Every structure is written in structure tokens, then in C-alpha cells.
Amino acid sequence: MCGRFTLSTPTERWADLFDVDPAAVMTAPRYNIAPSQNVIVVRQAHDRPGREVVSLRWGLVPAWAKDPKIGNQLINARAESLTQRLAFRSAYHDRRCLLVADGFYEWHGKPGSRQPYYYRLADGGVFGIAALWERWEPSLPPEGTAEAAPLETCTIVTTEANGLVRLVHDRMPVILGPRDHQLWLGALDLGELSGLLRPCPDNWLISYAVSSHVNDVRHDDPMCVEQTGAGADGAA
């Protein structure tokens, strides 16, 4: 599961990596992004060649859903069942995107005393997480009432954990290298994507313990990512 992540790197420092216009969306540093909040994703533009960067709500609401609250249950999509689950099947075929992040959190231990760990790239850079997006149109409102706006949402694709993350949790987000971005976004044959839906190499990431400050979603500041101890593997 991936339930929190960060994006504190300024837009102008990652826009080239994703081949998007940095002026299209200017983001404030975020250190504790949680489900139901808006997140930054990159996807194929629908009205022109190339890509676009947009803000979507985290928690996928399928087009057929009667109640958008279902998105609270669909923050992650298991890579192993993307073609099987009705909630994800259509989006996997036609609406793939890259969620922009520079780190994520996992927790280890028993409820009430769980230790949070922060994971980031060894070089401190930004990365793209395989994700899916959907557009949900509300039903017609009663006569005389305002029409609700369409809702665009997304979900993070997860896979089995690599050796580093497995010390804390058995799942992790699918982190894609830059050379795989276009394949994920544009492949027409789903068979081409099977090789992408795997854990990233252990040496891509480093981890370290952080304080329980991050446990409260109201906290969104640099203290969330301050190191308080070694990684789960004992590395400082």
C-alpha cells in the first residue's frame, strides 16, 4: 500500500524530466500528501500532441460509480489485478498517467507504536509513479439546482516490495525510470506494459526513520521528512 508521499521539489526542477511546461502548474512544497487531496500527475494531452500536467484528486472514482465516496477505497490499484478488477480495467487500457513524487512513507510495527519510514531516490531526485486516472460525471441534478462539475481522480499502481521496502511493508508503488515514461503513457498493447509492473531495484532508493509528526495529515512541513533514526536495514 502507498498511503502518503511527498513532492517538495520546485516544478522548474522536474518539468524537463516529464517533458511538460513548468508554467502549466506551479506547486508549493508538500511533505505529507494524503488520500482525497489533490495530487500532480502527467498524462497524454487529449486535445494536442504531447503531455500535460494536471491536478487530480487522489482516490479513483470509476465512471460508472453512483457515489464518488468510492474513491476513498481506491487509492491504490494492485498491478497483478489491473485487467481483472472492473474499477481499474478501463483506465488501465486508456487512461494511464504518471504521479509526480520525490518520496513516500511506510509504517512498521503494531498499531499505536508504528514507526514511520521515509523512502526517496538515492540522488534525491523526482520520480514518476505508475498511476491511472478517471473522469466521473455526476448524474443530472434535480430541476432548478446547479449542475455539479465533473470530477477527475487517480490511483497509484502498487506491486510487491523490493528488498529494501520489504523490511517494512510487503507492497510499494511502481516507480518508473524516465526511459519508461512514454511506454507507460502511450502503449496501445497492454502486453508491452507487463515488464514495467515490478518493484524498482533496491539501489534506486534509500530510507530512514522519521518522527510520528508525519502521522497527522494536518502536518505538512519539513519536519515530516527529518531523519530521526536509521533505515529499517540499519543504514544511517
Protein backbone atom coordinates (compact mmCIF):
# COMPACT_ATOMS: atom_id res chain seq x y z
CA MET A 1 0.00 0.00 0.00
CA CYS A 2 1.09 3.56 -0.60
CA GLY A 3 -0.84 5.99 1.58
CA ARG A 4 1.38 9.09 1.88
CA PHE A 5 4.03 10.73 -0.26
CA THR A 6 5.87 13.99 -0.84
CA LEU A 7 6.55 16.48 -3.62
CA SER A 8 8.67 19.30 -2.23
CA THR A 9 10.90 19.82 -5.29
CA PRO A 10 10.12 23.03 -7.24
CA THR A 11 8.27 22.49 -10.52
CA GLU A 12 11.01 24.01 -12.66
CA ARG A 13 13.43 21.33 -11.42
CA TRP A 14 11.32 18.37 -12.58
CA ALA A 15 9.37 19.69 -15.58
CA ASP A 16 12.05 18.67 -18.11
CA LEU A 17 12.13 15.13 -16.71
CA PHE A 18 8.46 14.71 -17.63
CA ASP A 19 8.56 16.87 -20.79
CA VAL A 20 5.94 19.34 -19.57
CA ASP A 21 5.67 23.12 -19.32
CA PRO A 22 6.69 24.25 -15.81
CA ALA A 23 4.36 27.24 -16.13
CA ALA A 24 1.35 24.93 -16.50
CA VAL A 25 1.26 24.21 -12.78
CA MET A 26 3.27 25.80 -10.01
CA THR A 27 3.33 23.67 -6.89
CA ALA A 28 4.07 24.62 -3.30
CA PRO A 29 6.31 22.20 -1.34
CA ARG A 30 4.26 19.36 0.12
CA TYR A 31 5.61 16.96 2.72
CA ASN A 32 2.58 14.87 3.70
CA ILE A 33 0.24 14.27 0.77
CA ALA A 34 -2.71 12.09 1.77
CA PRO A 35 -5.66 10.38 0.05
CA SER A 36 -8.57 12.62 -1.03
CA GLN A 37 -6.15 15.52 -1.56
CA ASN A 38 -5.20 16.87 -4.98
CA VAL A 39 -2.00 15.50 -6.50
CA ILE A 40 0.10 16.34 -9.56
CA VAL A 41 0.07 13.93 -12.49
CA VAL A 42 1.40 13.91 -16.05
CA ARG A 43 -0.66 12.37 -18.85
CA GLN A 44 -1.08 12.45 -22.61
CA ALA A 45 -2.85 15.65 -23.65
CA HIS A 46 -6.28 14.95 -25.13
CA ASP A 47 -6.53 18.00 -27.39
CA ARG A 48 -2.99 18.30 -28.77
CA PRO A 49 0.20 16.27 -29.23
CA GLY A 50 2.42 15.79 -26.22
CA ARG A 51 1.80 15.71 -22.50
CA GLU A 52 0.01 17.81 -19.95
CA VAL A 53 0.43 18.24 -16.22
CA VAL A 54 -2.77 18.44 -14.17
CA SER A 55 -4.05 18.31 -10.62
CA LEU A 56 -6.35 15.35 -9.79
CA ARG A 57 -7.94 14.09 -6.60
CA TRP A 58 -6.24 11.02 -5.12
CA GLY A 59 -8.75 8.17 -4.88
CA LEU A 60 -10.11 6.83 -8.16
CA VAL A 61 -13.83 7.19 -8.86
CA PRO A 62 -14.83 4.91 -11.77
CA ALA A 63 -17.02 6.45 -14.47
CA TRP A 64 -19.84 4.03 -13.57
CA ALA A 65 -19.81 4.81 -9.82
CA LYS A 66 -23.04 6.07 -8.26
CA ASP A 67 -21.28 7.70 -5.31
CA PRO A 68 -17.87 9.42 -5.55
CA LYS A 69 -17.11 8.30 -1.99
CA ILE A 70 -15.93 5.01 -3.51
CA GLY A 71 -12.70 6.84 -4.28
CA ASN A 72 -11.75 6.60 -0.59
CA GLN A 73 -11.39 2.83 -1.09
CA LEU A 74 -9.46 3.04 -4.37
CA ILE A 75 -6.29 4.96 -3.56
CA ASN A 76 -4.15 2.02 -4.73
CA ALA A 77 -4.51 -0.44 -7.60
CA ARG A 78 -2.65 -3.76 -7.39
CA ALA A 79 -0.59 -4.34 -10.54
CA GLU A 80 -1.47 -8.03 -10.51
CA SER A 81 -5.20 -7.40 -10.96
CA LEU A 82 -5.42 -4.34 -13.22
CA THR A 83 -7.03 -6.30 -16.06
CA GLN A 84 -9.38 -8.16 -13.71
CA ARG A 85 -10.92 -5.51 -11.45
CA LEU A 86 -13.77 -3.60 -13.05
CA ALA A 87 -12.77 -0.42 -11.21
CA PHE A 88 -9.38 -0.30 -12.96
CA ARG A 89 -9.73 -2.23 -16.21
CA SER A 90 -10.83 0.62 -18.47
CA ALA A 91 -8.41 3.16 -17.01
CA TYR A 92 -5.50 0.71 -17.36
CA HIS A 93 -6.27 0.38 -21.05
CA ASP A 94 -6.93 4.04 -21.89
CA ARG A 95 -6.10 6.41 -19.02
CA ARG A 96 -2.64 5.86 -17.62
CA CYS A 97 -0.66 8.69 -16.05
CA LEU A 98 2.44 9.40 -14.00
CA LEU A 99 2.08 10.67 -10.47
CA VAL A 100 4.92 13.07 -9.65
CA ALA A 101 6.66 12.48 -6.30
CA ASP A 102 10.02 12.80 -4.61
CA GLY A 103 9.44 10.40 -1.72
CA PHE A 104 6.91 8.18 0.06
CA TYR A 105 6.25 6.83 3.54
CA GLU A 106 5.58 3.39 5.00
CA TRP A 107 4.91 2.35 8.60
CA HIS A 108 6.19 -0.67 10.54
CA GLY A 109 5.12 -2.19 13.83
CA LYS A 110 1.98 -2.65 15.87
CA PRO A 111 -0.92 -0.15 15.92
CA GLY A 112 -0.25 2.59 18.41
CA SER A 113 3.53 2.28 18.16
CA ARG A 114 4.16 2.13 14.42
CA GLN A 115 7.42 3.64 13.19
CA PRO A 116 7.22 5.72 10.00
CA TYR A 117 9.98 5.43 7.40
CA TYR A 118 10.67 7.75 4.51
CA TYR A 119 11.85 6.49 1.11
CA ARG A 120 13.43 8.62 -1.61
CA LEU A 121 15.73 8.21 -4.58
CA ALA A 122 19.40 7.88 -3.67
CA ASP A 123 20.16 11.02 -5.67
CA GLY A 124 17.30 12.97 -4.07
CA GLY A 125 15.51 13.44 -7.39
CA VAL A 126 11.90 13.36 -8.52
CA PHE A 127 10.31 10.20 -9.92
CA GLY A 128 7.17 9.09 -11.69
CA ILE A 129 4.82 6.55 -10.12
CA ALA A 130 2.62 4.49 -12.43
CA ALA A 131 -0.96 5.67 -11.93
CA LEU A 132 -4.42 5.56 -13.53
CA TRP A 133 -6.95 8.34 -13.89
CA GLU A 134 -10.70 8.58 -14.45
CA ARG A 135 -13.31 11.21 -15.19
CA TRP A 136 -16.60 10.89 -13.30
CA GLU A 137 -19.71 12.73 -14.44
CA PRO A 138 -22.36 13.30 -11.77
CA SER A 139 -25.94 12.35 -12.57
CA LEU A 140 -28.37 15.06 -13.64
CA PRO A 141 -29.26 17.30 -10.69
CA PRO A 142 -32.84 17.96 -9.67
CA GLU A 143 -34.52 20.66 -11.73
CA GLY A 144 -33.65 24.14 -10.57
CA THR A 145 -30.36 23.16 -8.88
CA ALA A 146 -26.83 23.82 -10.06
CA GLU A 147 -25.08 21.13 -12.07
CA ALA A 148 -22.07 19.60 -10.34
CA ALA A 149 -18.74 19.71 -12.15
CA PRO A 150 -17.09 16.54 -13.49
CA LEU A 151 -14.54 15.01 -11.14
CA GLU A 152 -11.12 13.73 -12.26
CA THR A 153 -9.36 11.34 -9.92
CA CYS A 154 -6.42 8.95 -9.86
CA THR A 155 -4.99 5.90 -8.12
CA ILE A 156 -1.43 4.69 -7.53
CA VAL A 157 -0.38 1.33 -9.00
CA THR A 158 1.42 -0.87 -6.46
CA THR A 159 3.49 -4.01 -6.75
CA GLU A 160 5.35 -6.36 -4.44
CA ALA A 161 8.03 -4.64 -2.38
CA ASN A 162 11.69 -4.71 -3.31
CA GLY A 163 14.28 -5.88 -0.79
CA LEU A 164 14.59 -2.50 0.92
CA VAL A 165 10.89 -1.73 1.33
CA ARG A 166 10.08 -5.36 2.26
CA LEU A 167 11.78 -4.82 5.62
CA VAL A 168 8.84 -2.55 6.48
CA HIS A 169 5.94 -3.40 4.14
CA ASP A 170 5.08 -6.03 1.52
CA ARG A 171 3.86 -3.53 -1.11
CA MET A 172 5.32 -0.44 -2.77
CA PRO A 173 4.42 1.96 -5.59
CA VAL A 174 5.52 1.10 -9.13
CA ILE A 175 8.36 3.59 -9.68
CA LEU A 176 9.21 4.05 -13.35
CA GLY A 177 12.54 5.16 -14.76
CA PRO A 178 12.48 8.09 -17.22
CA ARG A 179 13.04 5.78 -20.19
CA ASP A 180 9.78 4.01 -19.37
CA HIS A 181 7.59 7.10 -19.04
CA GLN A 182 6.43 7.22 -22.65
CA LEU A 183 5.77 3.48 -22.82
CA TRP A 184 3.53 3.69 -19.75
CA LEU A 185 1.66 6.70 -21.09
CA GLY A 186 1.30 5.70 -24.71
CA ALA A 187 1.40 1.92 -25.17
CA LEU A 188 -1.57 0.53 -27.12
CA ASP A 189 -0.74 -3.11 -26.41
CA LEU A 190 -1.05 -3.89 -22.70
CA GLY A 191 1.38 -6.74 -23.17
CA GLU A 192 4.14 -4.15 -23.54
CA LEU A 193 3.48 -2.94 -20.00
CA SER A 194 3.92 -6.19 -18.10
CA GLY A 195 7.66 -5.63 -17.73
CA LEU A 196 7.08 -2.28 -16.06
CA LEU A 197 4.83 -3.52 -13.27
CA ARG A 198 7.61 -4.65 -10.98
CA PRO A 199 9.49 -3.28 -7.96
CA CYS A 200 12.31 -0.89 -8.75
CA PRO A 201 15.87 -2.05 -7.95
CA ASP A 202 16.86 -1.81 -4.30
CA ASN A 203 19.73 0.59 -5.04
CA TRP A 204 17.40 3.20 -6.50
CA LEU A 205 16.15 4.08 -3.01
CA ILE A 206 17.37 4.99 0.42
CA SER A 207 15.26 5.02 3.59
CA TYR A 208 15.40 6.36 7.11
CA ALA A 209 13.17 6.65 10.15
CA VAL A 210 11.17 9.85 10.67
CA SER A 211 9.13 11.06 13.63
CA SER A 212 5.44 10.45 14.34
CA HIS A 213 4.89 14.08 13.32
CA VAL A 214 4.00 12.73 9.86
CA ASN A 215 1.18 10.61 11.28
CA ASP A 216 -1.11 13.64 11.46
CA VAL A 217 -2.27 14.66 7.98
CA ARG A 218 -2.61 18.24 9.24
CA HIS A 219 1.18 18.41 9.45
CA ASP A 220 2.66 19.39 6.10
CA ASP A 221 6.10 20.82 6.74
CA PRO A 222 9.80 19.84 6.51
CA MET A 223 9.69 18.23 9.95
CA CYS A 224 7.78 15.33 8.32
CA VAL A 225 10.90 14.23 6.41
CA GLU A 226 13.55 14.99 9.04
CA GLN A 227 15.61 11.92 9.83
CA THR A 228 15.29 10.65 13.40
CA GLY A 229 16.97 7.27 13.04
CA ALA A 230 18.44 4.67 10.70
CA GLY A 231 16.61 2.88 7.96
CA ALA A 232 14.88 -0.44 8.65
CA ASP A 233 18.02 -2.16 7.32
CA GLY A 234 20.13 -0.37 9.94
CA ALA A 235 21.73 2.02 7.46
CA ALA A 236 22.10 5.58 8.65
